[in-house]
Amino acid sequence: SALADLAHRAGVSSRQLTSWAVAWREAGAAG
């Protein structure tokens, strides 16, 4: 649930931040 809280504070949607997080986990900045 911490991801949703972080998304709210950053002003982005949870779905968008989840997509970004997965991309970072799989391939870092390039992903």
Full PDB file with SEQRES, HELIX, SHEET, SSBOND, CRYST1, ORIGX, SCALE, CONECT and MASTER records, all heavy atoms in Angstrom:
SEQRES   1 A   31  SER ALA LEU ALA ASP LEU ALA HIS ARG ALA GLY VAL SER          
SEQRES   2 A   31  SER ARG GLN LEU THR SER TRP ALA VAL ALA TRP ARG GLU          
SEQRES   3 A   31  ALA GLY ALA ALA GLY                                          
HELIX    1 AA1 ALA A    2  ALA A   10  1                                   9    
HELIX    2 AA2 SER A   14  ALA A   27  1                                  14    
CRYST1    1.000    1.000    1.000  90.00  90.00  90.00 P 1           1          
ORIGX1      1.000000  0.000000  0.000000        0.00000                         
ORIGX2      0.000000  1.000000  0.000000        0.00000                         
ORIGX3      0.000000  0.000000  1.000000        0.00000                         
SCALE1      1.000000  0.000000  0.000000        0.00000                         
SCALE2      0.000000  1.000000  0.000000        0.00000                         
SCALE3      0.000000  0.000000  1.000000        0.00000                         
ATOM      1  N   SER A   1       0.819  -1.214   0.000  1.00  0.00           N  
ATOM      2  CA  SER A   1       0.000   0.000   0.000  1.00  0.00           C  
ATOM      3  C   SER A   1       0.850   1.259   0.000  1.00  0.00           C  
ATOM      4  O   SER A   1       0.350   2.349  -0.287  1.00  0.00           O  
ATOM      5  CB  SER A   1      -0.912   0.000   1.232  1.00  0.00           C  
ATOM      6  OG  SER A   1      -0.144  -0.057   2.432  1.00  0.00           O  
ATOM      7  N   ALA A   2       2.138   1.125   0.322  1.00  0.00           N  
ATOM      8  CA  ALA A   2       3.016   2.289   0.353  1.00  0.00           C  
ATOM      9  C   ALA A   2       3.148   2.921  -1.029  1.00  0.00           C  
ATOM     10  O   ALA A   2       3.351   4.138  -1.149  1.00  0.00           O  
ATOM     11  CB  ALA A   2       4.396   1.895   0.887  1.00  0.00           C  
ATOM     12  N   LEU A   3       3.043   2.119  -2.083  1.00  0.00           N  
ATOM     13  CA  LEU A   3       3.170   2.659  -3.439  1.00  0.00           C  
ATOM     14  C   LEU A   3       2.040   3.637  -3.741  1.00  0.00           C  
ATOM     15  O   LEU A   3       2.259   4.693  -4.332  1.00  0.00           O  
ATOM     16  CB  LEU A   3       3.200   1.526  -4.462  1.00  0.00           C  
ATOM     17  CG  LEU A   3       3.546   1.948  -5.900  1.00  0.00           C  
ATOM     18  CD1 LEU A   3       4.366   0.872  -6.593  1.00  0.00           C  
ATOM     19  CD2 LEU A   3       2.305   2.247  -6.717  1.00  0.00           C  
ATOM     20  N   ALA A   4       0.813   3.300  -3.351  1.00  0.00           N  
ATOM     21  CA  ALA A   4      -0.322   4.193  -3.586  1.00  0.00           C  
ATOM     22  C   ALA A   4      -0.138   5.505  -2.839  1.00  0.00           C  
ATOM     23  O   ALA A   4      -0.460   6.584  -3.352  1.00  0.00           O  
ATOM     24  CB  ALA A   4      -1.620   3.510  -3.172  1.00  0.00           C  
ATOM     25  N   ASP A   5       0.395   5.431  -1.619  1.00  0.00           N  
ATOM     26  CA  ASP A   5       0.633   6.647  -0.840  1.00  0.00           C  
ATOM     27  C   ASP A   5       1.697   7.504  -1.497  1.00  0.00           C  
ATOM     28  O   ASP A   5       1.577   8.723  -1.569  1.00  0.00           O  
ATOM     29  CB  ASP A   5       1.053   6.263   0.579  1.00  0.00           C  
ATOM     30  CG  ASP A   5       1.261   7.478   1.466  1.00  0.00           C  
ATOM     31  OD1 ASP A   5       0.293   8.241   1.662  1.00  0.00           O  
ATOM     32  OD2 ASP A   5       2.381   7.674   1.958  1.00  0.00           O  
ATOM     33  N   LEU A   6       2.755   6.870  -2.004  1.00  0.00           N  
ATOM     34  CA  LEU A   6       3.815   7.605  -2.694  1.00  0.00           C  
ATOM     35  C   LEU A   6       3.281   8.264  -3.958  1.00  0.00           C  
ATOM     36  O   LEU A   6       3.611   9.414  -4.264  1.00  0.00           O  
ATOM     37  CB  LEU A   6       4.975   6.661  -3.028  1.00  0.00           C  
ATOM     38  CG  LEU A   6       6.161   7.275  -3.771  1.00  0.00           C  
ATOM     39  CD1 LEU A   6       6.823   8.355  -2.923  1.00  0.00           C  
ATOM     40  CD2 LEU A   6       7.175   6.208  -4.150  1.00  0.00           C  
ATOM     41  N   ALA A   7       2.434   7.547  -4.702  1.00  0.00           N  
ATOM     42  CA  ALA A   7       1.852   8.102  -5.924  1.00  0.00           C  
ATOM     43  C   ALA A   7       1.001   9.331  -5.606  1.00  0.00           C  
ATOM     44  O   ALA A   7       1.067  10.354  -6.304  1.00  0.00           O  
ATOM     45  CB  ALA A   7       1.001   7.040  -6.623  1.00  0.00           C  
ATOM     46  N   HIS A   8       0.221   9.253  -4.531  1.00  0.00           N  
ATOM     47  CA  HIS A   8      -0.618  10.388  -4.139  1.00  0.00           C  
ATOM     48  C   HIS A   8       0.235  11.605  -3.809  1.00  0.00           C  
ATOM     49  O   HIS A   8      -0.072  12.723  -4.226  1.00  0.00           O  
ATOM     50  CB  HIS A   8      -1.474   9.986  -2.937  1.00  0.00           C  
ATOM     51  CG  HIS A   8      -2.257  11.122  -2.346  1.00  0.00           C  
ATOM     52  ND1 HIS A   8      -3.352  11.671  -2.978  1.00  0.00           N  
ATOM     53  CD2 HIS A   8      -2.079  11.826  -1.190  1.00  0.00           C  
ATOM     54  CE1 HIS A   8      -3.826  12.664  -2.235  1.00  0.00           C  
ATOM     55  NE2 HIS A   8      -3.066  12.772  -1.146  1.00  0.00           N  
ATOM     56  N   ARG A   9       1.305  11.397  -3.071  1.00  0.00           N  
ATOM     57  CA  ARG A   9       2.163  12.521  -2.690  1.00  0.00           C  
ATOM     58  C   ARG A   9       2.917  13.098  -3.884  1.00  0.00           C  
ATOM     59  O   ARG A   9       3.235  14.284  -3.905  1.00  0.00           O  
ATOM     60  CB  ARG A   9       3.161  12.070  -1.624  1.00  0.00           C  
ATOM     61  CG  ARG A   9       2.504  11.610  -0.331  1.00  0.00           C  
ATOM     62  CD  ARG A   9       3.526  11.334   0.733  1.00  0.00           C  
ATOM     63  NE  ARG A   9       2.913  10.853   1.956  1.00  0.00           N  
ATOM     64  CZ  ARG A   9       3.509  10.887   3.143  1.00  0.00           C  
ATOM     65  NH1 ARG A   9       4.718  11.386   3.241  1.00  0.00           N  
ATOM     66  NH2 ARG A   9       2.894  10.423   4.213  1.00  0.00           N  
ATOM     67  N   ALA A  10       3.215  12.249  -4.856  1.00  0.00           N  
ATOM     68  CA  ALA A  10       3.963  12.712  -6.032  1.00  0.00           C  
ATOM     69  C   ALA A  10       3.059  13.306  -7.098  1.00  0.00           C  
ATOM     70  O   ALA A  10       3.546  13.886  -8.074  1.00  0.00           O  
ATOM     71  CB  ALA A  10       4.772  11.559  -6.620  1.00  0.00           C  
ATOM     72  N   GLY A  11       1.743  13.138  -6.941  1.00  0.00           N  
ATOM     73  CA  GLY A  11       0.808  13.706  -7.912  1.00  0.00           C  
ATOM     74  C   GLY A  11       0.661  12.904  -9.183  1.00  0.00           C  
ATOM     75  O   GLY A  11       0.354  13.463 -10.237  1.00  0.00           O  
ATOM     76  N   VAL A  12       0.884  11.586  -9.103  1.00  0.00           N  
ATOM     77  CA  VAL A  12       0.677  10.721 -10.267  1.00  0.00           C  
ATOM     78  C   VAL A  12      -0.297   9.624  -9.862  1.00  0.00           C  
ATOM     79  O   VAL A  12      -0.531   9.383  -8.679  1.00  0.00           O  
ATOM     80  CB  VAL A  12       2.000  10.105 -10.773  1.00  0.00           C  
ATOM     81  CG1 VAL A  12       2.982  11.187 -11.188  1.00  0.00           C  
ATOM     82  CG2 VAL A  12       2.625   9.208  -9.703  1.00  0.00           C  
ATOM     83  N   SER A  13      -0.878   8.947 -10.850  1.00  0.00           N  
ATOM     84  CA  SER A  13      -1.813   7.877 -10.542  1.00  0.00           C  
ATOM     85  C   SER A  13      -1.065   6.625 -10.099  1.00  0.00           C  
ATOM     86  O   SER A  13       0.092   6.409 -10.471  1.00  0.00           O  
ATOM     87  CB  SER A  13      -2.680   7.550 -11.754  1.00  0.00           C  
ATOM     88  OG  SER A  13      -1.898   6.929 -12.764  1.00  0.00           O  
ATOM     89  N   SER A  14      -1.731   5.795  -9.310  1.00  0.00           N  
ATOM     90  CA  SER A  14      -1.116   4.557  -8.843  1.00  0.00           C  
ATOM     91  C   SER A  14      -0.806   3.626 -10.013  1.00  0.00           C  
ATOM     92  O   SER A  14       0.225   2.939 -10.026  1.00  0.00           O  
ATOM     93  CB  SER A  14      -2.038   3.847  -7.849  1.00  0.00           C  
ATOM     94  OG  SER A  14      -2.228   4.624  -6.689  1.00  0.00           O  
ATOM     95  N   ARG A  15      -1.687   3.597 -11.028  1.00  0.00           N  
ATOM     96  CA  ARG A  15      -1.467   2.736 -12.193  1.00  0.00           C  
ATOM     97  C   ARG A  15      -0.219   3.174 -12.949  1.00  0.00           C  
ATOM     98  O   ARG A  15       0.594   2.342 -13.372  1.00  0.00           O  
ATOM     99  CB  ARG A  15      -2.685   2.770 -13.108  1.00  0.00           C  
ATOM    100  CG  ARG A  15      -3.916   2.108 -12.507  1.00  0.00           C  
ATOM    101  CD  ARG A  15      -5.147   2.301 -13.365  1.00  0.00           C  
ATOM    102  NE  ARG A  15      -5.018   1.681 -14.678  1.00  0.00           N  
ATOM    103  CZ  ARG A  15      -5.979   1.684 -15.596  1.00  0.00           C  
ATOM    104  NH1 ARG A  15      -7.134   2.283 -15.337  1.00  0.00           N  
ATOM    105  NH2 ARG A  15      -5.788   1.091 -16.764  1.00  0.00           N  
ATOM    106  N   GLN A  16      -0.072   4.489 -13.115  1.00  0.00           N  
ATOM    107  CA  GLN A  16       1.101   4.987 -13.833  1.00  0.00           C  
ATOM    108  C   GLN A  16       2.375   4.693 -13.063  1.00  0.00           C  
ATOM    109  O   GLN A  16       3.379   4.232 -13.641  1.00  0.00           O  
ATOM    110  CB  GLN A  16       0.964   6.492 -14.062  1.00  0.00           C  
ATOM    111  CG  GLN A  16       2.123   7.097 -14.856  1.00  0.00           C  
ATOM    112  CD  GLN A  16       1.992   8.593 -15.015  1.00  0.00           C  
ATOM    113  OE1 GLN A  16       1.827   9.320 -14.043  1.00  0.00           O  
ATOM    114  NE2 GLN A  16       2.032   9.058 -16.257  1.00  0.00           N  
ATOM    115  N   LEU A  17       2.354   4.941 -11.753  1.00  0.00           N  
ATOM    116  CA  LEU A  17       3.562   4.708 -10.959  1.00  0.00           C  
ATOM    117  C   LEU A  17       3.900   3.226 -10.891  1.00  0.00           C  
ATOM    118  O   LEU A  17       5.082   2.855 -10.877  1.00  0.00           O  
ATOM    119  CB  LEU A  17       3.385   5.288  -9.548  1.00  0.00           C  
ATOM    120  CG  LEU A  17       4.627   5.238  -8.653  1.00  0.00           C  
ATOM    121  CD1 LEU A  17       5.817   5.914  -9.337  1.00  0.00           C  
ATOM    122  CD2 LEU A  17       4.366   5.877  -7.308  1.00  0.00           C  
ATOM    123  N   THR A  18       2.897   2.378 -10.859  1.00  0.00           N  
ATOM    124  CA  THR A  18       3.159   0.940 -10.871  1.00  0.00           C  
ATOM    125  C   THR A  18       3.873   0.531 -12.151  1.00  0.00           C  
ATOM    126  O   THR A  18       4.824  -0.255 -12.142  1.00  0.00           O  
ATOM    127  CB  THR A  18       1.844   0.154 -10.733  1.00  0.00           C  
ATOM    128  OG1 THR A  18       1.222   0.474  -9.490  1.00  0.00           O  
ATOM    129  CG2 THR A  18       2.093  -1.350 -10.804  1.00  0.00           C  
ATOM    130  N   SER A  19       3.416   1.098 -13.282  1.00  0.00           N  
ATOM    131  CA  SER A  19       4.063   0.815 -14.563  1.00  0.00           C  
ATOM    132  C   SER A  19       5.508   1.292 -14.557  1.00  0.00           C  
ATOM    133  O   SER A  19       6.410   0.592 -15.022  1.00  0.00           O  
ATOM    134  CB  SER A  19       3.284   1.490 -15.691  1.00  0.00           C  
ATOM    135  OG  SER A  19       3.942   1.326 -16.927  1.00  0.00           O  
ATOM    136  N   TRP A  20       5.745   2.479 -14.014  1.00  0.00           N  
ATOM    137  CA  TRP A  20       7.112   3.003 -13.924  1.00  0.00           C  
ATOM    138  C   TRP A  20       7.973   2.113 -13.026  1.00  0.00           C  
ATOM    139  O   TRP A  20       9.137   1.845 -13.350  1.00  0.00           O  
ATOM    140  CB  TRP A  20       7.100   4.417 -13.353  1.00  0.00           C  
ATOM    141  CG  TRP A  20       6.520   5.459 -14.258  1.00  0.00           C  
ATOM    142  CD1 TRP A  20       5.893   5.252 -15.450  1.00  0.00           C  
ATOM    143  CD2 TRP A  20       6.504   6.861 -14.033  1.00  0.00           C  
ATOM    144  NE1 TRP A  20       5.482   6.444 -15.988  1.00  0.00           N  
ATOM    145  CE2 TRP A  20       5.848   7.457 -15.141  1.00  0.00           C  
ATOM    146  CE3 TRP A  20       6.955   7.687 -13.016  1.00  0.00           C  
ATOM    147  CZ2 TRP A  20       5.640   8.829 -15.247  1.00  0.00           C  
ATOM    148  CZ3 TRP A  20       6.766   9.055 -13.113  1.00  0.00           C  
ATOM    149  CH2 TRP A  20       6.122   9.619 -14.205  1.00  0.00           C  
ATOM    150  N   ALA A  21       7.399   1.691 -11.917  1.00  0.00           N  
ATOM    151  CA  ALA A  21       8.155   0.880 -10.960  1.00  0.00           C  
ATOM    152  C   ALA A  21       8.581  -0.447 -11.572  1.00  0.00           C  
ATOM    153  O   ALA A  21       9.708  -0.905 -11.385  1.00  0.00           O  
ATOM    154  CB  ALA A  21       7.321   0.649  -9.702  1.00  0.00           C  
ATOM    155  N   VAL A  22       7.662  -1.083 -12.312  1.00  0.00           N  
ATOM    156  CA  VAL A  22       7.996  -2.350 -12.963  1.00  0.00           C  
ATOM    157  C   VAL A  22       9.094  -2.142 -14.001  1.00  0.00           C  
ATOM    158  O   VAL A  22      10.037  -2.942 -14.111  1.00  0.00           O  
ATOM    159  CB  VAL A  22       6.746  -2.973 -13.608  1.00  0.00           C  
ATOM    160  CG1 VAL A  22       7.118  -4.180 -14.455  1.00  0.00           C  
ATOM    161  CG2 VAL A  22       5.728  -3.360 -12.543  1.00  0.00           C  
ATOM    162  N   ALA A  23       8.990  -1.066 -14.770  1.00  0.00           N  
ATOM    163  CA  ALA A  23      10.003  -0.775 -15.788  1.00  0.00           C  
ATOM    164  C   ALA A  23      11.363  -0.571 -15.144  1.00  0.00           C  
ATOM    165  O   ALA A  23      12.388  -1.053 -15.649  1.00  0.00           O  
ATOM    166  CB  ALA A  23       9.596   0.460 -16.589  1.00  0.00           C  
ATOM    167  N   TRP A  24      11.385   0.128 -13.999  1.00  0.00           N  
ATOM    168  CA  TRP A  24      12.658   0.356 -13.316  1.00  0.00           C  
ATOM    169  C   TRP A  24      13.219  -0.948 -12.759  1.00  0.00           C  
ATOM    170  O   TRP A  24      14.421  -1.204 -12.847  1.00  0.00           O  
ATOM    171  CB  TRP A  24      12.478   1.373 -12.190  1.00  0.00           C  
ATOM    172  CG  TRP A  24      13.790   1.760 -11.573  1.00  0.00           C  
ATOM    173  CD1 TRP A  24      14.435   1.141 -10.551  1.00  0.00           C  
ATOM    174  CD2 TRP A  24      14.646   2.827 -12.013  1.00  0.00           C  
ATOM    175  NE1 TRP A  24      15.632   1.753 -10.298  1.00  0.00           N  
ATOM    176  CE2 TRP A  24      15.787   2.798 -11.175  1.00  0.00           C  
ATOM    177  CE3 TRP A  24      14.546   3.798 -13.003  1.00  0.00           C  
ATOM    178  CZ2 TRP A  24      16.826   3.720 -11.311  1.00  0.00           C  
ATOM    179  CZ3 TRP A  24      15.578   4.719 -13.136  1.00  0.00           C  
ATOM    180  CH2 TRP A  24      16.704   4.670 -12.303  1.00  0.00           C  
ATOM    181  N   ARG A  25      12.353  -1.765 -12.201  1.00  0.00           N  
ATOM    182  CA  ARG A  25      12.805  -3.026 -11.635  1.00  0.00           C  
ATOM    183  C   ARG A  25      13.404  -3.937 -12.699  1.00  0.00           C  
ATOM    184  O   ARG A  25      14.411  -4.619 -12.459  1.00  0.00           O  
ATOM    185  CB  ARG A  25      11.634  -3.731 -10.961  1.00  0.00           C  
ATOM    186  CG  ARG A  25      11.993  -5.053 -10.285  1.00  0.00           C  
ATOM    187  CD  ARG A  25      10.749  -5.791  -9.842  1.00  0.00           C  
ATOM    188  NE  ARG A  25       9.916  -6.191 -10.981  1.00  0.00           N  
ATOM    189  CZ  ARG A  25       8.705  -6.736 -10.869  1.00  0.00           C  
ATOM    190  NH1 ARG A  25       8.189  -6.918  -9.669  1.00  0.00           N  
ATOM    191  NH2 ARG A  25       8.016  -7.074 -11.947  1.00  0.00           N  
ATOM    192  N   GLU A  26      12.804  -3.930 -13.877  1.00  0.00           N  
ATOM    193  CA  GLU A  26      13.249  -4.851 -14.926  1.00  0.00           C  
ATOM    194  C   GLU A  26      14.454  -4.338 -15.713  1.00  0.00           C  
ATOM    195  O   GLU A  26      15.281  -5.128 -16.156  1.00  0.00           O  
ATOM    196  CB  GLU A  26      12.103  -5.136 -15.897  1.00  0.00           C  
ATOM    197  CG  GLU A  26      10.890  -5.789 -15.261  1.00  0.00           C  
ATOM    198  CD  GLU A  26      11.181  -7.179 -14.737  1.00  0.00           C  
ATOM    199  OE1 GLU A  26      12.228  -7.747 -15.110  1.00  0.00           O  
ATOM    200  OE2 GLU A  26      10.380  -7.704 -13.955  1.00  0.00           O  
ATOM    201  N   ALA A  27      14.544  -3.019 -15.900  1.00  0.00           N  
ATOM    202  CA  ALA A  27      15.599  -2.526 -16.792  1.00  0.00           C  
ATOM    203  C   ALA A  27      16.164  -1.171 -16.395  1.00  0.00           C  
ATOM    204  O   ALA A  27      16.853  -0.541 -17.201  1.00  0.00           O  
ATOM    205  CB  ALA A  27      15.068  -2.450 -18.229  1.00  0.00           C  
ATOM    206  N   GLY A  28      15.888  -0.701 -15.187  1.00  0.00           N  
ATOM    207  CA  GLY A  28      16.484   0.547 -14.732  1.00  0.00           C  
ATOM    208  C   GLY A  28      16.036   1.753 -15.535  1.00  0.00           C  
ATOM    209  O   GLY A  28      14.919   1.822 -16.053  1.00  0.00           O  
ATOM    210  N   ALA A  29      16.964   2.737 -15.649  1.00  0.00           N  
ATOM    211  CA  ALA A  29      16.632   3.991 -16.315  1.00  0.00           C  
ATOM    212  C   ALA A  29      16.277   3.779 -17.786  1.00  0.00           C  
ATOM    213  O   ALA A  29      15.387   4.458 -18.326  1.00  0.00           O  
ATOM    214  CB  ALA A  29      17.806   4.961 -16.196  1.00  0.00           C  
ATOM    215  N   ALA A  30      16.949   2.839 -18.451  1.00  0.00           N  
ATOM    216  CA  ALA A  30      16.657   2.578 -19.864  1.00  0.00           C  
ATOM    217  C   ALA A  30      15.247   2.030 -20.034  1.00  0.00           C  
ATOM    218  O   ALA A  30      14.513   2.407 -20.959  1.00  0.00           O  
ATOM    219  CB  ALA A  30      17.681   1.612 -20.449  1.00  0.00           C  
ATOM    220  N   GLY A  31      14.848   1.123 -19.138  1.00  0.00           N  
ATOM    221  CA  GLY A  31      13.500   0.571 -19.210  1.00  0.00           C  
ATOM    222  C   GLY A  31      12.441   1.623 -18.956  1.00  0.00           C  
ATOM    223  O   GLY A  31      11.399   1.644 -19.623  1.00  0.00           O  
TER     224      GLY A  31                                                      
MASTER        0    0    0    2    0    0    0    6  223    1    0    3          
END                                                                             
